[in-house]
Protein backbone atom coordinates (compact mmCIF):
# COMPACT_ATOMS: atom_id res chain seq x y z
CA MET A 1 149.47 -144.31 77.39
CA ARG A 2 151.39 -143.36 74.25
CA LEU A 3 152.83 -139.89 73.79
CA PHE A 4 154.18 -138.62 70.46
CA LEU A 5 156.62 -135.71 70.71
CA TYR A 6 157.74 -133.75 67.65
CA ILE A 7 159.18 -130.40 66.59
CA LEU A 8 156.71 -128.04 64.95
CA ALA A 9 159.22 -126.75 62.40
CA ALA A 10 156.73 -124.37 60.76
CA SER A 11 156.43 -122.34 63.98
CA ASN A 12 159.63 -120.89 65.46
CA ASP A 13 158.07 -118.77 68.22
CA PRO A 14 158.39 -120.55 71.60
CA ASP A 15 155.34 -118.73 72.91
CA THR A 16 152.80 -118.83 70.08
CA VAL A 17 151.66 -121.40 67.52
CA GLU A 18 152.07 -119.55 64.23
CA CYS A 19 150.81 -122.05 61.67
CA LEU A 20 147.64 -123.78 60.52
CA VAL A 21 148.50 -127.26 61.71
CA PRO A 22 147.52 -127.79 64.46
CA TYR A 23 144.40 -125.61 64.30
CA LEU A 24 142.76 -124.38 67.48
CA VAL A 25 139.03 -124.84 66.84
CA ASN A 26 138.01 -123.49 70.25
CA GLU A 27 139.22 -123.65 73.84
CA GLU A 28 138.39 -127.36 74.04
CA GLU A 29 139.25 -128.78 70.62
CA ILE A 30 142.17 -128.99 68.17
CA PHE A 31 142.04 -130.18 64.55
CA PHE A 32 145.16 -131.76 63.06
CA GLY A 33 144.81 -132.10 59.31
CA PRO A 34 147.73 -132.24 56.90
CA CYS A 35 151.47 -132.31 57.81
CA LYS A 36 153.39 -135.04 59.74
CA ARG A 37 152.75 -137.40 56.84
CA SER A 38 154.61 -140.38 58.28
CA LEU A 39 152.77 -140.07 61.60
CA ARG A 40 149.37 -139.86 59.92
CA LYS A 41 150.27 -142.83 57.72
CA ALA A 42 151.14 -144.87 60.81
CA PHE A 43 147.87 -143.90 62.52
CA ARG A 44 145.86 -144.71 59.39
CA LYS A 45 147.45 -148.15 59.16
CA GLN A 46 146.73 -148.90 62.80
CA TYR A 47 143.28 -147.39 63.28
CA LEU A 48 141.67 -146.85 59.87
CA LYS A 49 142.67 -150.07 58.10
CA THR A 50 139.06 -151.00 57.49
CA ALA A 51 137.22 -147.83 58.56
CA ASN A 52 136.84 -144.15 57.78
CA ASP A 53 136.18 -143.06 61.35
CA PHE A 54 137.51 -144.29 64.69
CA PHE A 55 137.04 -143.11 68.28
CA LEU A 56 140.03 -143.89 70.49
CA GLU A 57 139.66 -145.69 73.78
CA GLU A 58 143.36 -145.78 74.65
CA GLU A 59 145.09 -142.57 75.73
CA VAL A 60 147.19 -141.12 72.91
CA ILE A 61 148.82 -137.71 73.36
CA ILE A 62 150.50 -135.54 70.73
CA VAL A 63 152.91 -132.83 71.89
CA GLY A 64 154.63 -130.21 69.73
CA VAL A 65 157.59 -127.95 70.55
CA ASN A 66 158.55 -124.91 68.52
CA GLY A 67 161.03 -124.99 65.67
CA SER A 68 164.62 -123.78 65.68
CA ASN A 69 165.37 -120.12 66.36
CA ARG A 70 168.47 -117.96 66.80
CA HIS A 71 167.82 -117.62 70.53
CA ARG A 72 168.00 -121.43 70.95
CA ASN A 73 164.80 -121.27 72.95
CA ARG A 74 162.57 -124.31 72.87
CA LYS A 75 159.21 -124.68 74.62
CA ILE A 76 156.16 -126.85 74.40
CA VAL A 77 153.68 -124.94 72.25
CA TRP A 78 150.79 -127.39 72.05
CA ALA A 79 149.50 -130.67 73.41
CA GLY A 80 146.32 -132.59 72.74
CA ARG A 81 144.61 -135.88 73.53
CA VAL A 82 143.52 -137.73 70.37
CA VAL A 83 139.85 -138.65 70.57
CA ARG A 84 138.87 -139.24 66.94
CA LEU A 85 140.72 -140.28 63.79
CA MET A 86 139.10 -139.84 60.38
CA THR A 87 139.73 -139.86 56.69
CA PHE A 88 139.55 -136.41 55.10
CA GLU A 89 136.27 -137.60 53.55
CA THR A 90 134.71 -138.10 56.96
CA ALA A 91 136.16 -134.84 58.28
CA TYR A 92 134.75 -132.87 55.34
CA GLU A 93 131.31 -134.42 55.80
CA ALA A 94 131.19 -134.47 59.62
CA LEU A 95 132.89 -131.29 60.84
CA HIS A 96 130.11 -128.77 60.30
CA GLY A 97 128.26 -126.18 62.33
CA SER A 98 129.26 -122.86 63.84
CA LYS A 99 132.19 -124.42 65.71
CA TYR A 100 133.99 -125.24 62.48
CA GLN A 101 132.75 -122.35 60.36
CA GLU A 102 135.86 -120.18 60.66
CA MET A 103 138.17 -123.09 59.86
CA ARG A 104 136.13 -124.21 56.86
CA GLU A 105 135.76 -120.72 55.40
CA ARG A 106 139.45 -119.82 55.43
CA GLU A 107 140.92 -119.71 51.93
CA ASP A 108 143.90 -121.61 53.35
CA SER A 109 141.82 -124.01 55.43
CA PRO A 110 143.56 -127.11 56.82
CA LEU A 111 140.41 -129.02 55.85
CA HIS A 112 141.74 -128.77 52.31
CA LEU A 113 140.41 -131.92 50.61
CA LYS A 114 136.86 -132.35 49.34
CA PRO A 115 135.59 -135.88 48.65
CA LEU A 116 134.29 -136.68 45.17
CA TYR A 117 131.52 -139.15 44.38
CA ASP A 118 129.98 -140.83 41.37
CA GLU A 119 126.48 -142.18 42.00
CA GLY A 120 127.25 -142.23 45.71
CA GLU A 121 130.56 -144.09 45.36
CA PHE A 122 133.73 -142.45 46.64
CA GLN A 123 136.05 -141.57 43.73
CA GLY A 124 138.82 -139.47 45.29
CA TYR A 125 139.49 -135.90 46.36
CA ALA A 126 139.55 -132.36 45.02
CA HIS A 127 141.93 -129.80 46.47
CA CYS A 128 139.66 -127.01 47.77
CA SER A 129 141.99 -124.69 49.71
CA LEU A 130 145.26 -122.82 49.30
CA MET A 131 146.72 -125.06 52.00
CA HIS A 132 149.70 -126.97 50.56
CA SER A 133 148.99 -125.74 47.04
CA LYS A 134 152.68 -124.99 46.50
CA LEU A 135 154.57 -127.82 44.78
CA ASP A 136 151.47 -130.02 45.01
CA GLY A 137 151.94 -130.56 48.71
CA TRP A 138 148.27 -131.53 49.01
CA ILE A 139 148.92 -134.66 46.95
CA ARG A 140 151.69 -135.73 49.32
CA ASP A 141 149.24 -135.30 52.19
CA LEU A 142 147.44 -138.33 50.72
CA THR A 143 150.05 -140.43 48.95
CA HIS A 144 153.44 -140.50 47.26
CA SER A 145 153.66 -138.89 43.81
CA SER A 146 154.31 -142.13 41.89
CA ASN A 147 151.47 -144.20 43.36
CA PRO A 148 150.03 -146.28 40.47
CA HIS A 149 146.65 -146.56 42.21
CA VAL A 150 145.71 -142.90 41.62
CA ARG A 151 145.46 -140.58 38.64
CA ARG A 152 145.47 -136.82 38.63
CA GLU A 153 143.06 -134.56 36.76
CA GLY A 154 143.94 -130.93 37.52
CA ASN A 155 143.10 -130.30 41.18
CA ARG A 156 141.53 -133.75 41.55
CA LEU A 157 143.18 -136.98 42.62
CA LEU A 158 141.11 -140.01 41.65
CA LEU A 159 141.16 -143.72 42.37
CA VAL A 160 142.15 -145.96 39.50
CA PRO A 161 139.11 -148.21 38.87
CA GLY A 162 139.24 -151.36 40.96
CA THR A 163 141.76 -149.90 43.38
CA ASP A 164 141.49 -150.16 47.15
CA ARG A 165 141.38 -146.67 48.64
CA HIS A 166 143.79 -147.63 51.40
CA GLN A 167 146.41 -148.46 48.78
CA ALA A 168 145.64 -145.25 46.93
CA PHE A 169 145.62 -142.91 49.95
CA PRO A 170 147.86 -144.37 52.69
CA ARG A 171 148.13 -140.95 54.42
CA ASP A 172 144.41 -140.23 54.42
CA CYS A 173 144.06 -139.56 58.13
CA CYS A 174 143.38 -136.51 60.29
CA PHE A 175 142.70 -136.06 64.00
CA VAL A 176 140.39 -134.31 66.42
CA LEU A 177 142.00 -133.79 69.82
CA ASP A 178 140.93 -132.55 73.22
CA ARG A 179 143.04 -129.49 73.97
CA ILE A 180 145.55 -129.85 76.79
CA PHE A 181 147.53 -126.76 75.87
CA PHE A 182 147.85 -124.36 72.95
CA ALA A 183 150.33 -121.48 73.19
CA GLN A 184 148.86 -118.05 72.49
CA GLY A 185 151.40 -115.86 74.22
CA ALA A 186 153.30 -118.15 76.59
CA GLY A 187 154.76 -121.58 75.91
CA ILE A 188 155.64 -124.17 78.55
CA PRO A 189 159.39 -124.15 79.38
CA ILE A 190 161.13 -127.50 79.08
CA SER A 191 162.11 -128.21 82.66
CA GLU A 192 165.00 -130.29 83.94
CA GLU A 193 162.48 -132.94 84.99
CA MET A 194 161.26 -133.15 81.39
CA VAL A 195 164.84 -133.36 80.14
CA GLU A 196 165.48 -136.25 82.52
CA VAL A 197 162.55 -138.17 81.04
CA LEU A 198 163.87 -137.49 77.54
CA ARG A 199 167.31 -138.78 78.53
CA ARG A 200 165.88 -141.97 80.02
CA VAL A 201 163.82 -142.81 76.94
CA GLN A 202 166.68 -142.00 74.54
CA PRO A 203 169.71 -143.63 76.21
CA GLU A 204 171.51 -143.94 72.87
CA ARG A 205 171.38 -140.19 72.18
CA GLU A 206 174.06 -137.69 73.20
CA GLY A 207 173.68 -134.04 74.18
CA ILE A 208 169.98 -134.09 75.14
CA GLY A 209 168.93 -130.81 76.74
CA ASP A 210 166.15 -128.25 76.87
CA TYR A 211 166.92 -127.20 73.27
CA ALA A 212 168.29 -130.42 71.74
CA ILE A 213 165.37 -132.51 72.96
CA PHE A 214 166.31 -135.36 70.61
CA GLY A 215 170.03 -135.01 71.19
CA GLN A 216 172.76 -133.73 68.92
CA ARG A 217 174.13 -134.69 65.51
CA ILE A 218 177.82 -135.44 64.92
CA ASP A 219 178.46 -131.74 64.28
CA GLU A 220 176.83 -130.98 67.68
CA SER A 221 173.83 -129.25 66.13
CA ALA A 222 170.41 -130.09 67.55
CA ASP A 223 168.75 -133.06 65.87
CA GLY A 224 165.29 -131.94 64.76
CA ARG A 225 164.09 -135.39 63.65
CA THR A 226 162.73 -133.81 60.45
CA GLY A 227 159.50 -135.52 59.46
CA ARG A 228 159.77 -137.88 62.42
CA TRP A 229 158.86 -137.98 66.11
CA LEU A 230 159.64 -139.63 69.43
CA GLU A 231 157.14 -142.11 70.83
CA ILE A 232 157.11 -142.48 74.62
CA SER A 233 154.90 -145.02 76.37
CA GLY A 234 153.90 -146.21 79.80
CA SER A 235 155.03 -144.55 83.00
CA GLU A 236 157.53 -142.23 81.30
CA ALA A 237 154.75 -140.87 79.08
CA GLU A 238 152.58 -140.36 82.15
CA LYS A 239 155.38 -138.48 83.92
CA LEU A 240 155.98 -136.20 80.94
CA LEU A 241 152.27 -135.47 80.54
CA LYS A 242 151.96 -134.64 84.23
CA GLN A 243 154.87 -132.20 83.96
CA ILE A 244 153.29 -130.58 80.91
CA GLU A 245 149.93 -130.19 82.65
CA GLU A 246 151.63 -128.70 85.71
CA GLY A 247 153.51 -126.28 83.49
CA VAL A 248 150.46 -124.84 81.73
CA PRO A 249 150.42 -121.07 82.42
CA SER A 250 147.50 -120.18 84.67
CA SER A 251 146.71 -116.95 82.84
CA PRO A 252 148.91 -116.56 79.75
CA GLU A 253 149.28 -113.21 78.08
CA GLU A 254 147.45 -113.95 74.86
CA LYS A 255 148.64 -112.30 71.68
CA ASP A 256 146.39 -111.21 68.85
CA VAL A 257 147.32 -114.24 66.76
CA LYS A 258 144.33 -114.20 64.41
CA GLU A 259 146.62 -113.69 61.44
CA ILE A 260 150.22 -114.39 62.43
CA ARG A 261 149.56 -117.96 63.53
CA PHE A 262 148.33 -118.83 60.08
CA LYS A 263 151.52 -118.35 58.12
CA SER A 264 151.99 -120.92 55.37
CA CYS A 265 153.94 -124.05 56.15
CA ASN A 266 155.97 -126.55 54.19
CA CYS A 267 155.74 -129.50 56.54
CA ARG A 268 156.64 -133.13 56.05
């Protein structure tokens, strides 16, 4: 088992996911599109090196805790089991039907890249949503701004002729996950048992606690690992997952989060 733990900086509420990524499709499924660029790049390199679609056989868990807040209150706000990794091309073509209708029809949809073709050959992407429209964030969801293998034409990002798409779009990866937990009114408190796991897997870090889950910086502020994550494997990952599953509220008080959980984000 591999478990990836990160801070969901775009959502400060410890009891409700307030942003578009991750997106709760229904009670069973989560879609993770843009954001966490380095993580998606790593997954693309490992699983989509020669494919556009991959179903995982190993157990890979992604867990997010809420961002910083003045109350210094940190909880687990979502967790999911990765079952499918895709390029945005595959996601756009495959995720259809009533289940995905609401997500696709949002003007700020996290499925924000539309594949472009010329005589059936993939040519690149068009930006088709308000998601990450500010400061061309949608381009950075695919590649770095100076990549010589792509050229931009307005809201389109195209392959340079003869270019390998993996060189052009090294971050072209999104996930479908089985829902383990998604906060809609009550997050999962970070218990002392969870903190003990975090201390064991980060022996070099000082000041690890239920708020500073990655330890403290020199100035004693909580290290948020901006743009990064903590990977935990083996028995320690299993222990942490078990504690998360045991901490899931049995009947959380759900908020009306139809709008507030979709505030814009500037994630990395």
